[in-house]
Amino acid sequence: MWEAKYHSELGAAAAMFRAGYSIGSLMIRYQGVDWRNPSAWNCNRHNDPASVGDAPYDGIAIDPMEVMFVRVNNALLTQQIPMAVKAVKYSAWSADAAAAAAGLVHNLTARVSDNQYQKEKGRFKLPRILTCMVRGMKCFDVDYFVAHNQDMFGKLVKTKENLKTVWKFFVYVGQFEDRKFKYTCGMNYSSVALPAF
């Protein structure tokens, strides 16, 4: 893989620079950058934005609509790496649309009626639920949440048990609905960082 990258991608870019040209990018973040200027070479802090990870591209995952090629293999799909999952979905949707347009057997009608999120809500909600659990309710503004969600709580009597019930409702239900809430302090993500191995 490195050989192909070095001799094709990087080699082609180096040849363009030597000829006095710059290169362009489909990736929105890098559009308009003059890559001949060495000060731009520290892009993304030297992290490959297409590397395996949940958010290696400035805190988000690369979208297949921003690049020409996306790595897809069983390991990436098993880990639910967003760029690979999206690429497979987009590919299946495109294949069905092309088959339908050509009058061939297709899955288009069934596909537009289906919804993976509805089938597996727990899997999609789990990261946000876990973030809430790690964060805890100490920074959750219960008064604000109750005041802005009277349909659920009305005139809540502030007992320790009731406050825990409000927090539990927020963690498992409220945060996924269109309900106003706020925290009174930030999340210390370094407190949940993995130890070095």
Protein backbone atom coordinates (compact mmCIF):
# COMPACT_ATOMS: atom_id res chain seq x y z
CA MET A 1 0.00 0.00 0.00
CA TRP A 2 2.80 2.43 0.92
CA GLU A 3 4.58 1.68 -2.40
CA ALA A 4 1.49 2.63 -4.41
CA LYS A 5 0.92 5.75 -2.33
CA TYR A 6 4.57 6.84 -2.59
CA HIS A 7 5.06 6.20 -6.31
CA SER A 8 1.57 7.18 -7.49
CA GLU A 9 -0.12 9.75 -5.25
CA LEU A 10 2.90 11.41 -3.64
CA GLY A 11 5.10 10.98 -6.72
CA ALA A 12 2.50 12.60 -8.98
CA ALA A 13 2.06 15.51 -6.56
CA ALA A 14 5.85 16.02 -6.33
CA ALA A 15 6.09 16.09 -10.13
CA MET A 16 3.35 18.75 -10.27
CA PHE A 17 5.17 20.87 -7.67
CA ARG A 18 8.48 20.57 -9.57
CA ALA A 19 6.69 21.81 -12.69
CA GLY A 20 5.47 24.88 -10.78
CA TYR A 21 1.87 23.78 -10.34
CA SER A 22 -0.17 23.09 -7.22
CA ILE A 23 -2.76 20.36 -6.75
CA GLY A 24 -6.44 20.50 -5.86
CA SER A 25 -8.56 18.52 -3.47
CA LEU A 26 -12.09 17.17 -3.52
CA MET A 27 -12.06 17.40 0.26
CA ILE A 28 -13.83 20.62 1.25
CA ARG A 29 -11.43 21.37 4.09
CA TYR A 30 -8.46 21.48 1.70
CA GLN A 31 -9.99 23.33 -1.24
CA GLY A 32 -8.09 26.46 -2.25
CA VAL A 33 -4.91 25.50 -0.36
CA ASP A 34 -1.65 26.26 -2.18
CA TRP A 35 0.24 23.05 -1.52
CA ARG A 36 3.45 24.52 -2.96
CA ASN A 37 3.70 26.51 0.27
CA PRO A 38 5.52 24.36 2.86
CA SER A 39 3.53 25.99 5.71
CA ALA A 40 0.51 23.97 4.46
CA TRP A 41 2.35 20.66 4.76
CA ASN A 42 1.42 20.17 8.42
CA CYS A 43 -2.20 19.59 7.37
CA ASN A 44 -4.34 17.64 9.80
CA ARG A 45 -1.33 17.54 12.14
CA HIS A 46 0.29 14.92 9.89
CA ASN A 47 -2.59 12.50 10.46
CA ASP A 48 -3.98 10.78 7.40
CA PRO A 49 -7.60 11.98 7.28
CA ALA A 50 -8.52 8.71 5.58
CA SER A 51 -6.91 6.58 8.29
CA VAL A 52 -8.92 4.07 10.26
CA GLY A 53 -10.71 5.75 13.12
CA ASP A 54 -14.01 7.33 13.96
CA ALA A 55 -12.99 10.94 13.40
CA PRO A 56 -9.47 11.34 11.95
CA TYR A 57 -10.53 14.21 9.64
CA ASP A 58 -10.49 17.19 12.03
CA GLY A 59 -12.90 15.46 14.41
CA ILE A 60 -15.21 13.93 11.79
CA ALA A 61 -15.08 10.96 9.44
CA ILE A 62 -14.37 11.40 5.75
CA ASP A 63 -17.49 11.25 3.65
CA PRO A 64 -17.24 9.15 0.48
CA MET A 65 -18.75 12.11 -1.41
CA GLU A 66 -15.54 14.08 -0.72
CA VAL A 67 -13.02 11.58 -2.06
CA MET A 68 -12.51 9.34 -5.09
CA PHE A 69 -11.59 6.17 -3.25
CA VAL A 70 -12.55 4.84 0.18
CA ARG A 71 -10.93 1.87 1.84
CA VAL A 72 -13.49 -0.85 2.48
CA ASN A 73 -12.74 -4.26 3.95
CA ASN A 74 -14.28 -6.66 6.46
CA ALA A 75 -12.24 -5.29 9.37
CA LEU A 76 -13.45 -1.73 8.74
CA LEU A 77 -17.05 -2.86 8.35
CA THR A 78 -16.90 -5.04 11.48
CA GLN A 79 -15.62 -2.02 13.44
CA GLN A 80 -18.39 0.14 11.89
CA ILE A 81 -15.83 2.70 10.65
CA PRO A 82 -18.10 5.47 9.28
CA MET A 83 -16.37 6.07 5.93
CA ALA A 84 -16.44 2.36 5.02
CA VAL A 85 -20.05 1.87 6.15
CA LYS A 86 -21.15 4.93 4.16
CA ALA A 87 -19.24 3.79 1.05
CA VAL A 88 -20.98 0.39 1.11
CA LYS A 89 -24.41 2.02 1.62
CA TYR A 90 -23.84 4.55 -1.17
CA SER A 91 -22.63 1.77 -3.48
CA ALA A 92 -25.72 -0.39 -2.81
CA TRP A 93 -28.08 2.57 -3.27
CA SER A 94 -26.37 3.56 -6.53
CA ALA A 95 -26.46 -0.01 -7.85
CA ASP A 96 -30.20 -0.28 -7.13
CA ALA A 97 -30.90 3.09 -8.77
CA ALA A 98 -28.89 2.12 -11.86
CA ALA A 99 -30.64 -1.27 -12.10
CA ALA A 100 -34.07 0.37 -11.76
CA ALA A 101 -33.20 2.93 -14.46
CA ALA A 102 -32.10 0.10 -16.78
CA GLY A 103 -35.28 -1.90 -16.15
CA LEU A 104 -33.38 -4.69 -14.39
CA VAL A 105 -34.27 -6.52 -11.18
CA HIS A 106 -33.59 -4.18 -8.28
CA ASN A 107 -34.18 -3.63 -4.58
CA LEU A 108 -35.02 0.07 -4.79
CA THR A 109 -38.58 -0.01 -3.45
CA ALA A 110 -37.67 -2.24 -0.51
CA ARG A 111 -34.55 -0.16 0.21
CA VAL A 112 -36.37 3.19 0.41
CA SER A 113 -38.94 1.66 2.78
CA ASP A 114 -36.25 0.22 5.05
CA ASN A 115 -34.41 2.06 7.85
CA GLN A 116 -31.36 0.60 9.59
CA TYR A 117 -31.67 3.11 12.43
CA GLN A 118 -35.19 1.94 13.27
CA LYS A 119 -34.01 -1.68 13.30
CA GLU A 120 -30.97 -1.07 15.52
CA LYS A 121 -31.67 2.06 17.57
CA GLY A 122 -29.73 0.70 20.53
CA ARG A 123 -26.51 0.38 18.53
CA PHE A 124 -26.77 3.92 17.22
CA LYS A 125 -27.75 5.45 20.57
CA LEU A 126 -25.18 3.62 22.69
CA PRO A 127 -22.24 6.06 22.19
CA ARG A 128 -24.30 9.04 23.36
CA ILE A 129 -25.75 7.08 26.28
CA LEU A 130 -22.25 6.03 27.37
CA THR A 131 -20.99 9.62 27.06
CA CYS A 132 -23.80 10.74 29.39
CA MET A 133 -22.98 7.99 31.87
CA VAL A 134 -19.31 8.94 31.93
CA ARG A 135 -20.18 12.60 32.24
CA GLY A 136 -22.64 11.95 35.05
CA MET A 137 -25.43 14.18 36.25
CA LYS A 138 -23.30 16.57 38.31
CA CYS A 139 -23.08 19.02 35.37
CA PHE A 140 -26.58 18.40 34.03
CA ASP A 141 -28.87 21.39 34.60
CA VAL A 142 -31.94 19.57 35.93
CA ASP A 143 -33.86 22.79 36.66
CA TYR A 144 -33.38 24.01 33.09
CA PHE A 145 -34.42 20.64 31.62
CA VAL A 146 -37.55 20.42 33.79
CA ALA A 147 -38.51 24.06 33.10
CA HIS A 148 -38.28 23.53 29.34
CA ASN A 149 -40.00 20.15 29.30
CA GLN A 150 -43.18 20.71 31.26
CA ASP A 151 -45.03 18.17 29.11
CA MET A 152 -43.03 15.47 30.87
CA PHE A 153 -42.50 16.82 34.36
CA GLY A 154 -45.13 19.46 35.18
CA LYS A 155 -44.55 20.70 38.73
CA LEU A 156 -41.80 18.34 39.79
CA VAL A 157 -41.12 17.97 43.49
CA LYS A 158 -37.34 18.05 43.88
CA THR A 159 -36.51 14.88 45.74
CA LYS A 160 -33.27 12.99 45.21
CA GLU A 161 -35.26 10.15 43.61
CA ASN A 162 -37.13 12.49 41.25
CA LEU A 163 -33.90 14.17 40.12
CA LYS A 164 -32.41 10.75 39.33
CA THR A 165 -35.57 9.90 37.35
CA VAL A 166 -35.22 13.12 35.31
CA TRP A 167 -31.56 12.32 34.61
CA LYS A 168 -32.38 8.74 33.60
CA PHE A 169 -35.14 9.98 31.29
CA PHE A 170 -32.69 12.41 29.67
CA VAL A 171 -29.97 9.77 29.19
CA TYR A 172 -32.19 7.13 27.59
CA VAL A 173 -34.95 9.16 25.93
CA GLY A 174 -34.79 12.95 26.20
CA GLN A 175 -31.44 13.54 24.52
CA PHE A 176 -32.75 11.80 21.39
CA GLU A 177 -35.85 13.96 21.20
CA ASP A 178 -36.20 17.62 20.32
CA ARG A 179 -35.90 18.75 23.95
CA LYS A 180 -33.93 21.68 25.33
CA PHE A 181 -31.19 20.85 27.81
CA LYS A 182 -27.83 22.19 28.92
CA TYR A 183 -24.80 21.27 30.94
CA THR A 184 -23.17 23.62 33.41
CA CYS A 185 -19.63 22.35 32.79
CA GLY A 186 -17.70 20.79 29.94
CA MET A 187 -16.78 17.16 29.41
CA ASN A 188 -13.24 16.22 30.40
CA TYR A 189 -12.47 13.73 27.64
CA SER A 190 -8.92 13.22 28.90
CA SER A 191 -10.44 11.52 31.96
CA VAL A 192 -11.66 8.69 29.72
CA ALA A 193 -8.58 8.46 27.49
CA LEU A 194 -7.21 4.98 27.00
CA PRO A 195 -3.92 4.14 28.72
CA ALA A 196 -0.84 3.67 26.56
CA PHE A 197 -0.07 0.05 25.73
